[in-house]
Amino acid sequence: METIPQTLFKAALLLFIAATGCKKDSTTTTANVAVPSIYQRIYGASSVTNDGTYITIKTTDLPDHKSVYYATTDPLYQSFSGTTFAGYTFSKNPNNISSQSVTIKIPVNPAASATHAATPLGPIGIALNGVVLFNQYAGTGSPLSNEIASFDQYWAHPQATGMYHYHVEPIYLTQTKFTSSALLGFLLDGFPVYGPQENGKTLTSADLDTYHGHTSATADYPNGIYHYHFTQDAPYLNGSGFYGAAGTVSQ
């Protein structure tokens, strides 16, 4: 016959095993949430993980195409002159592309926000090739027209720390890698970004809402989803703010 102390000891031991097992299972489940296939298409990221709430994307922000902003000794360096986006005569800025350490967290299940926070200066999203996306303003918050002349042959440039970025249509993706109607990336609120064409039509800002997007079915989301588009006219990618609740960026 067991004594009362022995009975109490066994009960406590069973409780400890149960509690420990539950904790282990919870941790394992969180660490092994599968990354939805749509986010696996961010081929330029150094890693893409899912904790069930946020997709975490890490990138070195190095474009996989040539640029005049790479060092002349880099295999991806390519001289450039002539005109750039919107017919501006190219004028190189003093910066060069350098490797970054950027971590972007976006909601795995994006949803409309009641507040529609303004997009910040700096990264507001990420393209499929791992290059970050910026809004329609120059580094000082002035009109983008002050910087357009410095866009390279793929319509992008680096800022002072060497962070390469797209403000406007990433033509390497729309003209070489994919098409002008393809999925190109995601903004921080988790909603997808598409090229300037949809159903055979080249869109302008007049076709989109104040956040530079709309809701419709796409090849990737046949049941419909809110999504942004690049256009040739301002604000190029995003207007008055994020449609959804934005995630975070850290460097």
Protein backbone atom coordinates (compact mmCIF):
# COMPACT_ATOMS: atom_id res chain seq x y z
CA MET A 1 0.00 0.00 0.00
CA GLU A 2 1.30 3.44 -0.93
CA THR A 3 1.71 6.00 1.76
CA ILE A 4 0.23 9.51 1.39
CA PRO A 5 3.68 11.07 0.65
CA GLN A 6 4.27 8.52 -2.12
CA THR A 7 0.86 9.25 -3.66
CA LEU A 8 1.49 12.99 -3.55
CA PHE A 9 4.94 12.53 -5.10
CA LYS A 10 3.54 10.52 -8.05
CA ALA A 11 0.80 13.10 -8.63
CA ALA A 12 3.33 15.92 -8.66
CA LEU A 13 5.59 13.97 -11.04
CA LEU A 14 2.73 13.38 -13.48
CA LEU A 15 1.82 17.08 -13.42
CA PHE A 16 5.44 18.03 -14.12
CA ILE A 17 5.70 15.63 -17.09
CA ALA A 18 2.40 16.89 -18.52
CA ALA A 19 3.39 20.53 -18.16
CA THR A 20 6.83 19.97 -19.66
CA GLY A 21 5.41 18.01 -22.57
CA CYS A 22 2.85 20.70 -23.37
CA LYS A 23 5.49 23.40 -23.36
CA LYS A 24 7.74 21.41 -25.68
CA ASP A 25 4.91 20.71 -28.13
CA SER A 26 3.90 24.39 -28.21
CA THR A 27 7.44 25.52 -28.96
CA THR A 28 7.90 22.94 -31.70
CA THR A 29 4.62 23.88 -33.39
CA THR A 30 5.50 27.58 -33.42
CA ALA A 31 8.97 26.96 -34.84
CA ASN A 32 7.74 24.71 -37.63
CA VAL A 33 4.83 26.62 -39.14
CA ALA A 34 5.06 26.17 -42.88
CA VAL A 35 5.75 29.24 -45.01
CA PRO A 36 2.85 29.67 -47.48
CA SER A 37 3.95 29.09 -51.05
CA ILE A 38 3.17 32.67 -52.07
CA TYR A 39 5.88 33.97 -49.71
CA GLN A 40 8.35 31.31 -50.84
CA ARG A 41 8.43 33.20 -54.12
CA ILE A 42 10.58 35.89 -52.50
CA TYR A 43 13.60 34.29 -54.09
CA GLY A 44 16.09 37.04 -53.19
CA ALA A 45 15.65 36.75 -49.43
CA SER A 46 18.34 35.16 -47.29
CA SER A 47 15.56 33.55 -45.22
CA VAL A 48 11.76 33.51 -44.99
CA THR A 49 10.10 32.09 -41.86
CA ASN A 50 6.60 31.97 -40.38
CA ASP A 51 5.66 32.10 -36.69
CA GLY A 52 1.95 31.82 -37.43
CA THR A 53 1.36 35.56 -37.09
CA TYR A 54 4.14 37.18 -39.10
CA ILE A 55 6.23 36.24 -42.10
CA THR A 56 9.80 37.27 -41.29
CA ILE A 57 11.94 38.08 -44.32
CA LYS A 58 15.66 38.70 -44.06
CA THR A 59 17.55 40.23 -46.96
CA THR A 60 20.97 41.59 -47.86
CA ASP A 61 19.22 43.89 -50.36
CA LEU A 62 21.66 43.16 -53.19
CA PRO A 63 19.95 43.29 -56.61
CA ASP A 64 20.39 40.29 -58.88
CA HIS A 65 20.77 42.49 -61.93
CA LYS A 66 23.44 44.82 -63.22
CA SER A 67 23.80 48.40 -62.08
CA VAL A 68 26.11 51.35 -62.49
CA TYR A 69 26.01 51.56 -58.68
CA TYR A 70 27.94 48.35 -58.14
CA ALA A 71 31.71 48.74 -57.71
CA THR A 72 33.48 48.67 -61.07
CA THR A 73 35.23 45.45 -60.03
CA ASP A 74 31.92 43.67 -59.36
CA PRO A 75 30.67 41.29 -62.10
CA LEU A 76 27.28 43.01 -61.89
CA TYR A 77 28.69 46.45 -62.64
CA GLN A 78 27.46 47.95 -65.90
CA SER A 79 28.11 51.45 -67.12
CA PHE A 80 25.04 53.53 -67.87
CA SER A 81 24.28 56.82 -69.61
CA GLY A 82 21.43 58.30 -71.58
CA THR A 83 17.92 58.51 -70.16
CA THR A 84 16.26 56.79 -67.23
CA PHE A 85 12.70 56.64 -65.86
CA ALA A 86 10.28 59.18 -67.39
CA GLY A 87 12.92 60.32 -69.86
CA TYR A 88 15.21 62.00 -67.32
CA THR A 89 18.84 62.37 -68.37
CA PHE A 90 20.82 60.05 -66.10
CA SER A 91 22.99 61.64 -63.42
CA LYS A 92 24.72 59.22 -61.03
CA ASN A 93 24.46 59.95 -57.34
CA PRO A 94 27.60 59.56 -55.14
CA ASN A 95 26.46 56.34 -53.43
CA ASN A 96 27.36 52.72 -54.17
CA ILE A 97 25.45 49.52 -53.49
CA SER A 98 26.50 47.75 -50.30
CA SER A 99 25.20 44.68 -48.50
CA GLN A 100 22.56 45.35 -45.87
CA SER A 101 21.03 43.43 -42.99
CA VAL A 102 17.30 44.10 -43.21
CA THR A 103 14.57 42.17 -41.39
CA ILE A 104 11.00 42.73 -42.50
CA LYS A 105 7.99 41.31 -40.68
CA ILE A 106 4.64 41.30 -42.46
CA PRO A 107 1.28 39.85 -41.32
CA VAL A 108 0.75 36.35 -42.63
CA ASN A 109 -2.96 37.16 -42.89
CA PRO A 110 -3.21 40.80 -44.01
CA ALA A 111 -6.37 42.72 -43.14
CA ALA A 112 -7.69 46.21 -43.81
CA SER A 113 -6.84 48.81 -41.17
CA ALA A 114 -9.12 51.55 -39.86
CA THR A 115 -6.22 53.97 -39.46
CA HIS A 116 -4.25 53.59 -42.74
CA ALA A 117 -0.90 54.76 -41.37
CA ALA A 118 1.28 56.83 -43.68
CA THR A 119 4.18 55.05 -45.33
CA PRO A 120 7.54 56.05 -43.81
CA LEU A 121 10.75 57.06 -45.50
CA GLY A 122 12.90 53.97 -45.93
CA PRO A 123 11.65 50.44 -46.65
CA ILE A 124 7.89 50.07 -47.02
CA GLY A 125 8.03 46.58 -48.52
CA ILE A 126 10.12 44.08 -50.41
CA ALA A 127 10.36 42.89 -54.01
CA LEU A 128 10.64 39.21 -54.90
CA ASN A 129 14.35 39.60 -55.64
CA GLY A 130 15.01 40.81 -52.07
CA VAL A 131 15.36 44.51 -52.93
CA VAL A 132 13.43 46.85 -50.65
CA LEU A 133 10.64 49.15 -51.85
CA PHE A 134 10.45 52.86 -50.97
CA ASN A 135 7.54 55.31 -51.23
CA GLN A 136 7.04 58.26 -53.55
CA TYR A 137 9.28 60.70 -51.69
CA ALA A 138 12.98 61.50 -51.89
CA GLY A 139 15.22 61.05 -48.86
CA THR A 140 14.35 64.46 -47.42
CA GLY A 141 10.62 63.99 -47.89
CA SER A 142 10.73 66.18 -50.99
CA PRO A 143 9.17 65.19 -54.34
CA LEU A 144 10.69 62.14 -55.99
CA SER A 145 11.34 64.20 -59.12
CA ASN A 146 14.42 65.54 -57.29
CA GLU A 147 15.98 62.05 -57.47
CA ILE A 148 14.62 60.41 -60.61
CA ALA A 149 17.63 61.45 -62.71
CA SER A 150 19.81 59.21 -60.52
CA PHE A 151 17.83 56.02 -61.25
CA ASP A 152 19.98 53.42 -63.01
CA GLN A 153 19.17 51.26 -66.02
CA TYR A 154 16.69 49.28 -63.92
CA TRP A 155 15.06 52.38 -62.42
CA ALA A 156 16.53 52.25 -58.92
CA HIS A 157 19.41 53.62 -56.87
CA PRO A 158 21.15 53.34 -53.47
CA GLN A 159 20.79 55.87 -50.67
CA ALA A 160 23.63 57.16 -48.46
CA THR A 161 24.22 53.88 -46.59
CA GLY A 162 24.26 51.86 -49.82
CA MET A 163 20.69 50.54 -49.48
CA TYR A 164 19.51 49.91 -53.03
CA HIS A 165 15.76 50.41 -53.53
CA TYR A 166 12.91 50.76 -55.99
CA HIS A 167 10.57 53.77 -55.83
CA VAL A 168 9.00 52.98 -59.20
CA GLU A 169 8.37 49.96 -61.41
CA PRO A 170 11.28 47.48 -61.11
CA ILE A 171 11.70 46.88 -64.81
CA TYR A 172 14.16 44.02 -64.34
CA LEU A 173 11.27 42.10 -62.80
CA THR A 174 8.55 43.28 -65.19
CA GLN A 175 10.55 43.13 -68.43
CA THR A 176 13.19 40.45 -67.88
CA LYS A 177 12.39 38.16 -64.97
CA PHE A 178 8.58 38.10 -65.09
CA THR A 179 5.92 40.21 -66.84
CA SER A 180 4.22 43.57 -66.37
CA SER A 181 1.20 41.90 -64.77
CA ALA A 182 3.13 39.63 -62.41
CA LEU A 183 3.34 39.55 -58.64
CA LEU A 184 6.39 41.64 -57.74
CA GLY A 185 6.47 41.72 -53.94
CA PHE A 186 4.67 42.76 -50.76
CA LEU A 187 4.26 45.91 -48.71
CA LEU A 188 4.71 45.90 -44.93
CA ASP A 189 0.99 45.36 -44.39
CA GLY A 190 1.25 42.00 -46.15
CA PHE A 191 -0.77 42.96 -49.21
CA PRO A 192 0.79 42.00 -52.56
CA VAL A 193 2.27 44.35 -55.16
CA TYR A 194 1.72 43.83 -58.89
CA GLY A 195 3.09 45.35 -62.07
CA PRO A 196 1.34 48.11 -64.03
CA GLN A 197 -0.80 45.84 -66.20
CA GLU A 198 -3.96 43.98 -65.30
CA ASN A 199 -6.20 42.03 -67.69
CA GLY A 200 -4.36 43.53 -70.65
CA LYS A 201 -4.77 47.13 -69.49
CA THR A 202 -1.94 49.43 -68.38
CA LEU A 203 -3.18 51.05 -65.20
CA THR A 204 -2.76 54.62 -64.02
CA SER A 205 -3.35 56.09 -60.59
CA ALA A 206 -6.86 57.05 -61.72
CA ASP A 207 -7.74 53.32 -61.83
CA LEU A 208 -6.74 52.83 -58.20
CA ASP A 209 -7.85 54.08 -54.80
CA THR A 210 -6.08 56.61 -52.58
CA TYR A 211 -3.72 53.87 -51.31
CA HIS A 212 -2.81 52.98 -54.91
CA GLY A 213 -4.55 49.65 -54.98
CA HIS A 214 -7.87 47.88 -55.36
CA THR A 215 -9.55 44.55 -54.68
CA SER A 216 -9.94 41.99 -57.45
CA ALA A 217 -9.01 38.44 -58.35
CA THR A 218 -5.45 37.81 -59.51
CA ALA A 219 -3.67 34.74 -60.87
CA ASP A 220 -2.21 34.15 -57.41
CA TYR A 221 -5.39 34.98 -55.48
CA PRO A 222 -8.30 33.69 -57.60
CA ASN A 223 -10.80 34.46 -54.82
CA GLY A 224 -9.73 38.11 -54.83
CA ILE A 225 -7.52 40.21 -52.56
CA TYR A 226 -6.62 43.84 -52.06
CA HIS A 227 -3.36 44.55 -53.89
CA TYR A 228 -1.16 47.44 -54.96
CA HIS A 229 0.08 48.27 -58.46
CA PHE A 230 3.08 50.13 -59.81
CA THR A 231 2.12 52.86 -62.27
CA GLN A 232 4.08 55.29 -64.41
CA ASP A 233 2.46 58.28 -62.73
CA ALA A 234 2.80 59.48 -59.13
CA PRO A 235 2.60 58.13 -56.49
CA TYR A 236 4.06 55.18 -58.48
CA LEU A 237 3.44 52.58 -55.74
CA ASN A 238 1.65 53.92 -52.69
CA GLY A 239 -0.52 56.96 -52.09
CA SER A 240 -1.94 58.09 -48.78
CA GLY A 241 -0.76 55.19 -46.61
CA PHE A 242 -0.95 51.46 -46.01
CA TYR A 243 -4.27 49.79 -46.73
CA GLY A 244 -3.63 47.31 -43.91
CA ALA A 245 -1.86 47.31 -40.55
CA ALA A 246 1.86 47.45 -41.26
CA GLY A 247 4.47 45.12 -39.83
CA THR A 248 7.98 46.22 -38.93
CA VAL A 249 11.44 46.81 -40.40
CA SER A 250 14.70 46.50 -38.49
CA GLN A 251 18.31 46.89 -39.59
